Each structure stands twice: as structure tokens, then as C-alpha cells.
C-alpha atoms as a PDB file:
ATOM      1  CA  MET A   1      31.024 158.455  28.260  1.00  0.00           C
ATOM      2  CA  ARG A   2      34.331 156.700  30.494  1.00  0.00           C
ATOM      3  CA  THR A   3      37.261 159.402  30.971  1.00  0.00           C
ATOM      4  CA  PRO A   4      40.432 157.709  29.683  1.00  0.00           C
ATOM      5  CA  VAL A   5      42.930 156.884  32.007  1.00  0.00           C
ATOM      6  CA  SER A   6      46.053 158.328  31.605  1.00  0.00           C
ATOM      7  CA  PRO A   7      49.180 156.241  31.431  1.00  0.00           C
ATOM      8  CA  ARG A   8      51.370 155.939  34.937  1.00  0.00           C
ATOM      9  CA  ARG A   9      54.703 157.885  34.533  1.00  0.00           C
ATOM     10  CA  ALA A  10      57.572 155.523  34.855  1.00  0.00           C
ATOM     11  CA  TYR A  11      60.514 156.595  37.082  1.00  0.00           C
ATOM     12  CA  THR A  12      63.586 157.465  35.049  1.00  0.00           C
ATOM     13  CA  LEU A  13      67.031 155.739  35.825  1.00  0.00           C
ATOM     14  CA  ILE A  14      68.622 158.891  36.660  1.00  0.00           C
ATOM     15  CA  GLU A  15      65.865 159.590  39.447  1.00  0.00           C
ATOM     16  CA  VAL A  16      65.789 155.921  40.987  1.00  0.00           C
ATOM     17  CA  LEU A  17      69.540 156.701  40.931  1.00  0.00           C
ATOM     18  CA  VAL A  18      68.868 159.981  43.159  1.00  0.00           C
ATOM     19  CA  VAL A  19      66.811 158.164  45.622  1.00  0.00           C
ATOM     20  CA  ILE A  20      69.125 155.957  46.067  1.00  0.00           C
ATOM     21  CA  ALA A  21      71.754 158.060  46.653  1.00  0.00           C
ATOM     22  CA  ILE A  22      69.751 159.914  48.792  1.00  0.00           C
ATOM     23  CA  ILE A  23      68.997 157.163  51.000  1.00  0.00           C
ATOM     24  CA  ALA A  24      72.887 155.961  51.045  1.00  0.00           C
ATOM     25  CA  ILE A  25      74.034 159.594  52.224  1.00  0.00           C
ATOM     26  CA  LEU A  26      71.156 159.259  54.909  1.00  0.00           C
ATOM     27  CA  ALA A  27      72.280 156.367  56.264  1.00  0.00           C
ATOM     28  CA  ALA A  28      75.713 157.215  56.671  1.00  0.00           C
ATOM     29  CA  MET A  29      74.845 160.280  58.398  1.00  0.00           C
ATOM     30  CA  LEU A  30      72.667 157.948  60.925  1.00  0.00           C
ATOM     31  CA  LEU A  31      75.286 154.941  61.361  1.00  0.00           C
ATOM     32  CA  PRO A  32      77.866 156.972  63.322  1.00  0.00           C
ATOM     33  CA  ALA A  33      75.132 158.098  66.131  1.00  0.00           C
ATOM     34  CA  LEU A  34      73.521 155.042  66.140  1.00  0.00           C
ATOM     35  CA  THR A  35      76.936 153.561  66.649  1.00  0.00           C
ATOM     36  CA  ARG A  36      77.818 156.198  69.378  1.00  0.00           C
ATOM     37  CA  ALA A  37      74.283 155.285  70.876  1.00  0.00           C
ATOM     38  CA  LYS A  38      75.190 151.374  71.398  1.00  0.00           C
ATOM     39  CA  GLU A  39      78.270 152.210  72.563  1.00  0.00           C
ATOM     40  CA  LYS A  40      76.466 154.319  74.965  1.00  0.00           C
ATOM     41  CA  ALA A  41      74.225 151.865  76.127  1.00  0.00           C
ATOM     42  CA  GLN A  42      77.099 149.169  76.734  1.00  0.00           C
ATOM     43  CA  ILE A  43      78.862 151.353  79.155  1.00  0.00           C
ATOM     44  CA  ILE A  44      75.492 152.158  80.680  1.00  0.00           C
ATOM     45  CA  LYS A  45      74.910 148.515  81.238  1.00  0.00           C
ATOM     46  CA  CYS A  46      78.404 148.204  82.817  1.00  0.00           C
ATOM     47  CA  LEU A  47      78.256 150.434  85.127  1.00  0.00           C
ATOM     48  CA  SER A  48      74.787 148.829  86.256  1.00  0.00           C
ATOM     49  CA  ASN A  49      76.449 145.490  86.448  1.00  0.00           C
ATOM     50  CA  LEU A  50      79.416 146.862  88.590  1.00  0.00           C
ATOM     51  CA  ARG A  51      77.160 148.726  90.900  1.00  0.00           C
ATOM     52  CA  GLN A  52      75.280 145.202  91.561  1.00  0.00           C
ATOM     53  CA  ILE A  53      78.956 143.296  91.744  1.00  0.00           C
ATOM     54  CA  GLY A  54      79.900 146.175  94.406  1.00  0.00           C
ATOM     55  CA  ILE A  55      77.074 145.504  96.785  1.00  0.00           C
ATOM     56  CA  GLY A  56      77.984 142.264  96.332  1.00  0.00           C
ATOM     57  CA  LEU A  57      81.320 142.616  97.367  1.00  0.00           C
ATOM     58  CA  HIS A  58      80.266 144.055 100.539  1.00  0.00           C
ATOM     59  CA  LEU A  59      78.088 141.594 101.335  1.00  0.00           C
ATOM     60  CA  TYR A  60      80.333 139.221 100.991  1.00  0.00           C
ATOM     61  CA  ALA A  61      82.498 141.194 102.890  1.00  0.00           C
ATOM     62  CA  ALA A  62      79.984 141.497 105.711  1.00  0.00           C
ATOM     63  CA  ASP A  63      79.549 137.999 106.179  1.00  0.00           C
ATOM     64  CA  ASN A  64      83.173 136.942 106.231  1.00  0.00           C
ATOM     65  CA  ARG A  65      84.467 139.230 109.136  1.00  0.00           C
ATOM     66  CA  ASP A  66      84.623 142.529 106.914  1.00  0.00           C
ATOM     67  CA  THR A  67      87.021 140.744 104.621  1.00  0.00           C
ATOM     68  CA  PHE A  68      87.282 140.890 100.757  1.00  0.00           C
ATOM     69  CA  PRO A  69      87.217 137.536  98.798  1.00  0.00           C
ATOM     70  CA  PRO A  70      90.798 135.782  98.166  1.00  0.00           C
ATOM     71  CA  LEU A  71      92.373 135.686  94.672  1.00  0.00           C
ATOM     72  CA  ASN A  72      92.154 131.886  94.720  1.00  0.00           C
ATOM     73  CA  SER A  73      90.835 128.984  96.686  1.00  0.00           C
ATOM     74  CA  ASN A  74      94.575 128.433  97.649  1.00  0.00           C
ATOM     75  CA  GLN A  75      95.080 131.982  99.277  1.00  0.00           C
ATOM     76  CA  PHE A  76      94.195 130.801 102.741  1.00  0.00           C
ATOM     77  CA  SER A  77      93.545 127.083 102.476  1.00  0.00           C
ATOM     78  CA  PRO A  78      96.953 125.857 100.561  1.00  0.00           C
ATOM     79  CA  PRO A  79      95.742 122.347 100.323  1.00  0.00           C
ATOM     80  CA  ALA A  80      92.490 123.092  98.392  1.00  0.00           C
ATOM     81  CA  PRO A  81      91.595 122.286  94.929  1.00  0.00           C
ATOM     82  CA  PRO A  82      92.918 125.220  92.824  1.00  0.00           C
ATOM     83  CA  GLU A  83      90.315 127.644  91.565  1.00  0.00           C
ATOM     84  CA  ASN A  84      90.804 131.151  90.570  1.00  0.00           C
ATOM     85  CA  TYR A  85      88.329 134.079  91.904  1.00  0.00           C
ATOM     86  CA  ALA A  86      90.322 136.930  90.741  1.00  0.00           C
ATOM     87  CA  LEU A  87      89.427 136.431  86.978  1.00  0.00           C
ATOM     88  CA  THR A  88      85.832 134.702  87.854  1.00  0.00           C
ATOM     89  CA  ILE A  89      84.237 136.271  90.810  1.00  0.00           C
ATOM     90  CA  GLY A  90      80.801 135.784  89.531  1.00  0.00           C
ATOM     91  CA  GLY A  91      78.692 134.575  86.608  1.00  0.00           C
ATOM     92  CA  LYS A  92      78.467 131.289  84.965  1.00  0.00           C
ATOM     93  CA  ASP A  93      80.399 128.177  84.523  1.00  0.00           C
ATOM     94  CA  ALA A  94      83.615 128.493  82.117  1.00  0.00           C
ATOM     95  CA  THR A  95      83.914 126.477  78.982  1.00  0.00           C
ATOM     96  CA  PRO A  96      86.013 122.904  79.926  1.00  0.00           C
ATOM     97  CA  ARG A  97      89.265 124.175  78.386  1.00  0.00           C
ATOM     98  CA  PHE A  98      89.700 126.638  81.508  1.00  0.00           C
ATOM     99  CA  PRO A  99      90.202 124.351  84.195  1.00  0.00           C
ATOM    100  CA  SER A 100      91.532 127.115  86.577  1.00  0.00           C
ATOM    101  CA  ALA A 101      88.179 128.935  86.440  1.00  0.00           C
ATOM    102  CA  ALA A 102      86.198 127.906  89.563  1.00  0.00           C
ATOM    103  CA  LYS A 103      82.684 126.783  88.905  1.00  0.00           C
ATOM    104  CA  ALA A 104      79.959 129.144  89.005  1.00  0.00           C
ATOM    105  CA  ILE A 105      78.398 128.123  92.638  1.00  0.00           C
ATOM    106  CA  ASN A 106      81.918 128.247  93.867  1.00  0.00           C
ATOM    107  CA  ARG A 107      82.537 131.792  93.108  1.00  0.00           C
ATOM    108  CA  PRO A 108      82.465 134.153  95.771  1.00  0.00           C
ATOM    109  CA  LEU A 109      79.812 136.302  94.792  1.00  0.00           C
ATOM    110  CA  TYR A 110      77.201 133.739  93.886  1.00  0.00           C
ATOM    111  CA  PRO A 111      75.195 133.901  96.717  1.00  0.00           C
ATOM    112  CA  TYR A 112      74.895 137.615  96.716  1.00  0.00           C
ATOM    113  CA  VAL A 113      74.735 138.361  92.776  1.00  0.00           C
ATOM    114  CA  ARG A 114      72.934 135.163  91.297  1.00  0.00           C
ATOM    115  CA  GLY A 115      72.188 136.608  88.074  1.00  0.00           C
ATOM    116  CA  PRO A 116      75.068 135.704  85.635  1.00  0.00           C
ATOM    117  CA  GLU A 117      74.511 138.488  83.246  1.00  0.00           C
ATOM    118  CA  ALA A 118      75.648 140.951  85.985  1.00  0.00           C
ATOM    119  CA  PHE A 119      79.138 139.628  85.444  1.00  0.00           C
ATOM    120  CA  HIS A 120      78.635 140.259  81.271  1.00  0.00           C
ATOM    121  CA  CYS A 121      80.221 143.333  79.629  1.00  0.00           C
ATOM    122  CA  PRO A 122      78.535 143.483  76.097  1.00  0.00           C
ATOM    123  CA  ALA A 123      81.392 145.436  75.006  1.00  0.00           C
ATOM    124  CA  ASP A 124      83.487 141.983  76.189  1.00  0.00           C
ATOM    125  CA  LYS A 125      85.918 141.259  72.931  1.00  0.00           C
ATOM    126  CA  GLY A 126      87.693 138.428  74.925  1.00  0.00           C
ATOM    127  CA  GLN A 127      91.880 138.629  75.335  1.00  0.00           C
ATOM    128  CA  ALA A 128      94.577 137.104  73.331  1.00  0.00           C
ATOM    129  CA  PHE A 129      98.108 136.491  74.569  1.00  0.00           C
ATOM    130  CA  PRO A 130     100.632 136.960  71.765  1.00  0.00           C
ATOM    131  CA  ILE A 131     103.457 137.527  74.332  1.00  0.00           C
ATOM    132  CA  LYS A 132     102.554 135.277  77.330  1.00  0.00           C
ATOM    133  CA  ASP A 133      99.742 133.306  78.414  1.00  0.00           C
ATOM    134  CA  VAL A 134     100.477 133.409  82.094  1.00  0.00           C
ATOM    135  CA  LEU A 135      97.666 130.406  82.758  1.00  0.00           C
ATOM    136  CA  GLY A 136      98.521 128.362  79.379  1.00  0.00           C
ATOM    137  CA  GLU A 137      94.826 127.985  78.747  1.00  0.00           C
ATOM    138  CA  GLY A 138      94.939 129.647  75.229  1.00  0.00           C
ATOM    139  CA  PRO A 139      92.768 132.552  74.077  1.00  0.00           C
ATOM    140  CA  TRP A 140      89.838 134.000  75.820  1.00  0.00           C
ATOM    141  CA  THR A 141      87.272 134.045  73.062  1.00  0.00           C
ATOM    142  CA  PRO A 142      85.089 134.703  71.700  1.00  0.00           C
ATOM    143  CA  SER A 143      84.791 136.828  74.984  1.00  0.00           C
ATOM    144  CA  ASN A 144      86.187 136.532  78.355  1.00  0.00           C
ATOM    145  CA  TYR A 145      82.330 135.997  79.536  1.00  0.00           C
ATOM    146  CA  GLU A 146      81.896 133.064  76.760  1.00  0.00           C
ATOM    147  CA  ALA A 147      84.976 131.374  77.601  1.00  0.00           C
ATOM    148  CA  ARG A 148      85.171 132.075  81.525  1.00  0.00           C
ATOM    149  CA  GLY A 149      81.864 132.744  82.834  1.00  0.00           C
ATOM    150  CA  CYS A 150      83.094 136.528  83.827  1.00  0.00           C
ATOM    151  CA  SER A 151      84.120 139.463  81.901  1.00  0.00           C
ATOM    152  CA  TYR A 152      85.482 141.736  85.006  1.00  0.00           C
ATOM    153  CA  ARG A 153      88.316 141.145  87.094  1.00  0.00           C
ATOM    154  CA  PHE A 154      88.911 141.607  90.824  1.00  0.00           C
ATOM    155  CA  ASN A 155      91.865 143.671  91.574  1.00  0.00           C
ATOM    156  CA  ALA A 156      93.726 141.098  93.349  1.00  0.00           C
ATOM    157  CA  ASN A 157      97.119 141.160  91.779  1.00  0.00           C
ATOM    158  CA  PRO A 158      99.316 143.906  90.019  1.00  0.00           C
ATOM    159  CA  TRP A 159      99.353 141.424  87.002  1.00  0.00           C
ATOM    160  CA  GLY A 160     103.021 141.999  86.018  1.00  0.00           C
ATOM    161  CA  ASN A 161     102.977 145.320  86.273  1.00  0.00           C
ATOM    162  CA  ASN A 162     105.844 147.509  87.810  1.00  0.00           C
ATOM    163  CA  THR A 163     105.187 150.240  90.658  1.00  0.00           C
ATOM    164  CA  ARG A 164     107.381 152.915  91.835  1.00  0.00           C
ATOM    165  CA  GLN A 165     106.397 152.449  95.370  1.00  0.00           C
ATOM    166  CA  THR A 166     106.790 148.743  97.131  1.00  0.00           C
ATOM    167  CA  PRO A 167     102.918 147.698  97.498  1.00  0.00           C
ATOM    168  CA  ALA A 168     101.874 146.710 100.985  1.00  0.00           C
ATOM    169  CA  ASP A 169     100.996 143.038  99.258  1.00  0.00           C
ATOM    170  CA  PRO A 170     102.418 142.879  95.854  1.00  0.00           C
ATOM    171  CA  ASP A 171     100.868 138.946  95.565  1.00  0.00           C
ATOM    172  CA  TYR A 172      97.397 139.562  96.436  1.00  0.00           C
ATOM    173  CA  ASN A 173      96.569 143.379  96.650  1.00  0.00           C
ATOM    174  CA  LEU A 174      92.886 144.001  97.998  1.00  0.00           C
ATOM    175  CA  ALA A 175      92.051 139.982  97.973  1.00  0.00           C
ATOM    176  CA  GLY A 176      91.473 138.708 101.235  1.00  0.00           C
ATOM    177  CA  LYS A 177      92.047 142.065 102.935  1.00  0.00           C
ATOM    178  CA  LYS A 178      89.802 143.719 105.703  1.00  0.00           C
ATOM    179  CA  GLU A 179      87.912 146.601 104.270  1.00  0.00           C
ATOM    180  CA  SER A 180      89.765 149.059 106.823  1.00  0.00           C
ATOM    181  CA  TRP A 181      93.098 148.303 104.766  1.00  0.00           C
ATOM    182  CA  VAL A 182      91.715 149.984 102.121  1.00  0.00           C
ATOM    183  CA  PRO A 183      93.390 154.039 102.463  1.00  0.00           C
ATOM    184  CA  ALA A 184      90.873 155.350 100.127  1.00  0.00           C
ATOM    185  CA  PRO A 185      87.878 153.585  99.293  1.00  0.00           C
ATOM    186  CA  ALA A 186      86.285 156.400  97.078  1.00  0.00           C
ATOM    187  CA  LEU A 187      89.486 156.062  94.733  1.00  0.00           C
ATOM    188  CA  PHE A 188      90.820 152.314  95.313  1.00  0.00           C
ATOM    189  CA  ILE A 189      89.587 150.370  92.283  1.00  0.00           C
ATOM    190  CA  ALA A 190      87.872 147.148  93.268  1.00  0.00           C
ATOM    191  CA  MET A 191      86.460 145.582  89.654  1.00  0.00           C
ATOM    192  CA  HIS A 192      87.664 146.431  86.283  1.00  0.00           C
ATOM    193  CA  GLU A 193      87.869 145.575  82.743  1.00  0.00           C
ATOM    194  CA  PRO A 194      90.928 144.076  80.913  1.00  0.00           C
ATOM    195  CA  PRO A 195      91.575 147.436  78.973  1.00  0.00           C
ATOM    196  CA  ALA A 196      92.310 149.262  82.222  1.00  0.00           C
ATOM    197  CA  LEU A 197      95.495 147.588  82.584  1.00  0.00           C
ATOM    198  CA  SER A 198      98.144 145.714  80.407  1.00  0.00           C
ATOM    199  CA  TYR A 199      99.079 142.057  81.279  1.00  0.00           C
ATOM    200  CA  GLU A 200     102.649 140.968  80.756  1.00  0.00           C
ATOM    201  CA  GLY A 201     103.003 143.631  78.261  1.00  0.00           C
ATOM    202  CA  GLN A 202      99.676 142.941  76.512  1.00  0.00           C
ATOM    203  CA  TYR A 203      96.792 145.576  75.940  1.00  0.00           C
ATOM    204  CA  TYR A 204      93.036 145.045  75.104  1.00  0.00           C
ATOM    205  CA  HIS A 205      90.554 147.460  73.649  1.00  0.00           C
ATOM    206  CA  TRP A 206      86.852 146.914  74.342  1.00  0.00           C
ATOM    207  CA  HIS A 207      84.406 149.829  74.573  1.00  0.00           C
ATOM    208  CA  TYR A 208      84.718 152.199  71.301  1.00  0.00           C
ATOM    209  CA  ALA A 209      87.489 149.639  69.677  1.00  0.00           C
ATOM    210  CA  ARG A 210      87.987 150.982  66.372  1.00  0.00           C
ATOM    211  CA  GLY A 211      90.583 148.567  65.598  1.00  0.00           C
ATOM    212  CA  LYS A 212      92.907 145.351  66.936  1.00  0.00           C
ATOM    213  CA  THR A 213      91.289 144.596  70.009  1.00  0.00           C
ATOM    214  CA  THR A 214      94.736 143.433  71.485  1.00  0.00           C
ATOM    215  CA  VAL A 215      97.744 144.953  71.489  1.00  0.00           C
ATOM    216  CA  THR A 216     101.453 144.676  72.534  1.00  0.00           C
ATOM    217  CA  ARG A 217     103.566 147.548  73.979  1.00  0.00           C
ATOM    218  CA  ALA A 218     105.616 147.967  70.856  1.00  0.00           C
ATOM    219  CA  GLN A 219     102.587 148.775  69.105  1.00  0.00           C
ATOM    220  CA  LEU A 220     101.110 151.065  71.520  1.00  0.00           C
ATOM    221  CA  MET A 221     102.603 154.522  69.745  1.00  0.00           C
ATOM    222  CA  GLN A 222     100.480 153.849  66.277  1.00  0.00           C
ATOM    223  CA  ASP A 223      97.605 152.164  68.068  1.00  0.00           C
ATOM    224  CA  GLY A 224      95.690 155.110  68.457  1.00  0.00           C
ATOM    225  CA  GLN A 225      92.874 153.695  70.079  1.00  0.00           C
ATOM    226  CA  LYS A 226      91.307 154.712  73.787  1.00  0.00           C
ATOM    227  CA  PHE A 227      91.684 152.221  76.881  1.00  0.00           C
ATOM    228  CA  VAL A 228      88.447 152.892  78.151  1.00  0.00           C
ATOM    229  CA  SER A 229      86.869 150.710  81.314  1.00  0.00           C
ATOM    230  CA  ALA A 230      83.981 150.851  83.388  1.00  0.00           C
ATOM    231  CA  ILE A 231      85.188 150.241  86.981  1.00  0.00           C
ATOM    232  CA  ALA A 232      83.682 149.436  90.669  1.00  0.00           C
ATOM    233  CA  PHE A 233      85.399 151.233  93.010  1.00  0.00           C
ATOM    234  CA  VAL A 234      85.852 150.128  96.980  1.00  0.00           C
ATOM    235  CA  ASP A 235      83.179 152.378  98.448  1.00  0.00           C
ATOM    236  CA  GLY A 236      80.315 150.923  95.913  1.00  0.00           C
ATOM    237  CA  HIS A 237      80.186 153.532  93.379  1.00  0.00           C
ATOM    238  CA  ALA A 238      81.014 152.879  89.738  1.00  0.00           C
ATOM    239  CA  ALA A 239      82.484 155.351  87.020  1.00  0.00           C
ATOM    240  CA  GLN A 240      83.688 154.541  83.299  1.00  0.00           C
ATOM    241  CA  HIS A 241      87.344 156.091  83.210  1.00  0.00           C
ATOM    242  CA  ASP A 242      89.662 156.730  80.370  1.00  0.00           C
ATOM    243  CA  PHE A 243      93.042 154.871  80.824  1.00  0.00           C
ATOM    244  CA  THR A 244      94.593 156.064  77.701  1.00  0.00           C
ATOM    245  CA  LYS A 245      97.549 158.162  78.994  1.00  0.00           C
ATOM    246  CA  ALA A 246      98.142 156.065  82.042  1.00  0.00           C
ATOM    247  CA  LEU A 247      99.058 153.293  80.052  1.00  0.00           C
ATOM    248  CA  THR A 248     100.864 155.135  77.168  1.00  0.00           C
ATOM    249  CA  THR A 249     102.540 158.058  78.838  1.00  0.00           C
ATOM    250  CA  ASP A 250     104.372 155.682  81.353  1.00  0.00           C
ATOM    251  CA  ALA A 251     103.959 152.255  79.949  1.00  0.00           C
ATOM    252  CA  ALA A 252     106.793 150.577  82.585  1.00  0.00           C
ATOM    253  CA  TYR A 253     104.465 152.151  85.388  1.00  0.00           C
ATOM    254  CA  PRO A 254     101.339 152.260  84.466  1.00  0.00           C
ATOM    255  CA  ILE A 255      99.510 151.479  87.843  1.00  0.00           C
ATOM    256  CA  GLU A 256     100.496 154.610  89.622  1.00  0.00           C
ATOM    257  CA  PRO A 257      97.681 156.718  91.505  1.00  0.00           C
ATOM    258  CA  THR A 258      96.288 159.484  89.820  1.00  0.00           C
ATOM    259  CA  ALA A 259      93.431 162.033  90.952  1.00  0.00           C
ATOM    260  CA  ASN A 260      90.787 159.499  89.948  1.00  0.00           C
ATOM    261  CA  TRP A 261      91.940 155.820  90.890  1.00  0.00           C
ATOM    262  CA  VAL A 262      94.382 154.130  93.023  1.00  0.00           C
ATOM    263  CA  TRP A 263      95.264 150.630  91.935  1.00  0.00           C
ATOM    264  CA  TYR A 264      97.422 149.421  95.100  1.00  0.00           C
ATOM    265  CA  LYS A 265      98.594 150.548  98.527  1.00  0.00           C
ATOM    266  CA  PRO A 266     102.180 151.301  99.127  1.00  0.00           C
ATOM    267  CA  LYS A 267     103.764 149.671 102.084  1.00  0.00           C
ATOM    268  CA  ASP A 268     104.450 151.883 105.374  1.00  0.00           C
END
């Protein structure tokens, strides 16, 4: 005789809703942790990139009489066709609407750091220029890397920032200098990301961005976000630093030396 099979009990609507609510709560708890893990991974990738670039800078110097790359093609050869190196020291070709960017094979670090991804910050959110576009080439979107082929910047110019001391070279800074010119290699910034510096009163958020990624000086006090950048120093090491205090406490002089970094060499 066959045993009768009892009918399966169906879940009530209340039970289904409770399960959905529990899953939603767990997801809400996990999402911030996943976001933080992703952001940390992006910083780690940038530090690795900048260590490679730092090695590339020293290899370049070793092949060029202990001299760092120039800001552009005209620094040492005025008649040469204009190509910017400070913004495109390596990486891949820029899109056609950025004629100032050097071709990839002409970039100073091309022979030393061949993989273009080494010049790609995964948190790169590009740059808009609501106040002043120095090069007149429009916003760098969707990212500096996609637009110009390089996320990182060579410390070759103060980019319109005032200094309390007269710089030894206000036009070219580290560009084209002998390695011996640098006063404190472990503190002197060689490469940085745009959030470390203001550009003609414009500021940028990449890592840990939680709101607008481009803000003006007038918006700084209401911004509330941190200005975080990975940095390569002249001695070759790389580190993450928070530039928020330097950029917001005394916005008129944001590149003065601190215990953690130096942007420029004062004139003797």
C-alpha cells in the first residue's frame, strides 16, 4: 500500500518578504566593505604603477647625463614641434582632440616603461576646467588616461600655484634638472595625480570620491571630501598621501613644504 504524500507547504507572503528584507540588510552591510576593498586595491595598483615609473625616471636620467626629462619638446630644443611631456610622460597615444600630447613612442619613458597600463590610475575620473582651460583642449574625459593616454603628472611646473618662497625654477621645476639638483630626494615629489594639486583654482577628487569630482576654490569649504593621491618621490619610493589640509587650510599657498613632501626647491 502506497504511503500518501503530504502536500508541500507554500511560503506565505510575509515569510518571503522577511527573507528579502534579510538579504537586503546583509547586502547593505557588505556593500561599504566591498567599496572600501575596491578603493584600497586601486591605491595599491597606483603605488605599484608609480614605483615602476620612478624606476623609469632613474633609467632615463642614467641614459641622459643624470638629467630628468624636460617639461616639453621646446625646453631644450625651441624649434622642435611642440609636444607636452609633463602631462604625458609615458602611456598610450592620446585621442586626436589632444594635439599637445606627445605620441606614445616620443614620450620620455617609452623605452623604459613599455606597458601603457603602468600609466593608468584605476580611479582616474578625468578633469574638467570650469574656470580656466590652460591648453584650450576641453575637458579630459572620460578619464585622463582615455583622453591623453596618461593619468599621472610629472612635477615639472607649479601649475599656477603661488609660493611663499621664490622657486629656483618657477617655469620648469624638476624638469630637465640634474639628480643632484634635488635638495631632499626622499621628500621631493616626482610624479603625482591631479588631486594632489590645484590647477588655476580647480580641484579634483579621484580616490575615495563621494561627490563632485571637480570643484572650484569657492566650493572647497562645502565640499567635505578628501584629496588623496598616490605619489612617486625622486628617490624612487611611492606612498599615498592626503593633501586635504594643504589644499584647504591655506588655499592661496597649497604647495608649501610639509614633513611628508616637498613640491619645489627655493631659490638660494
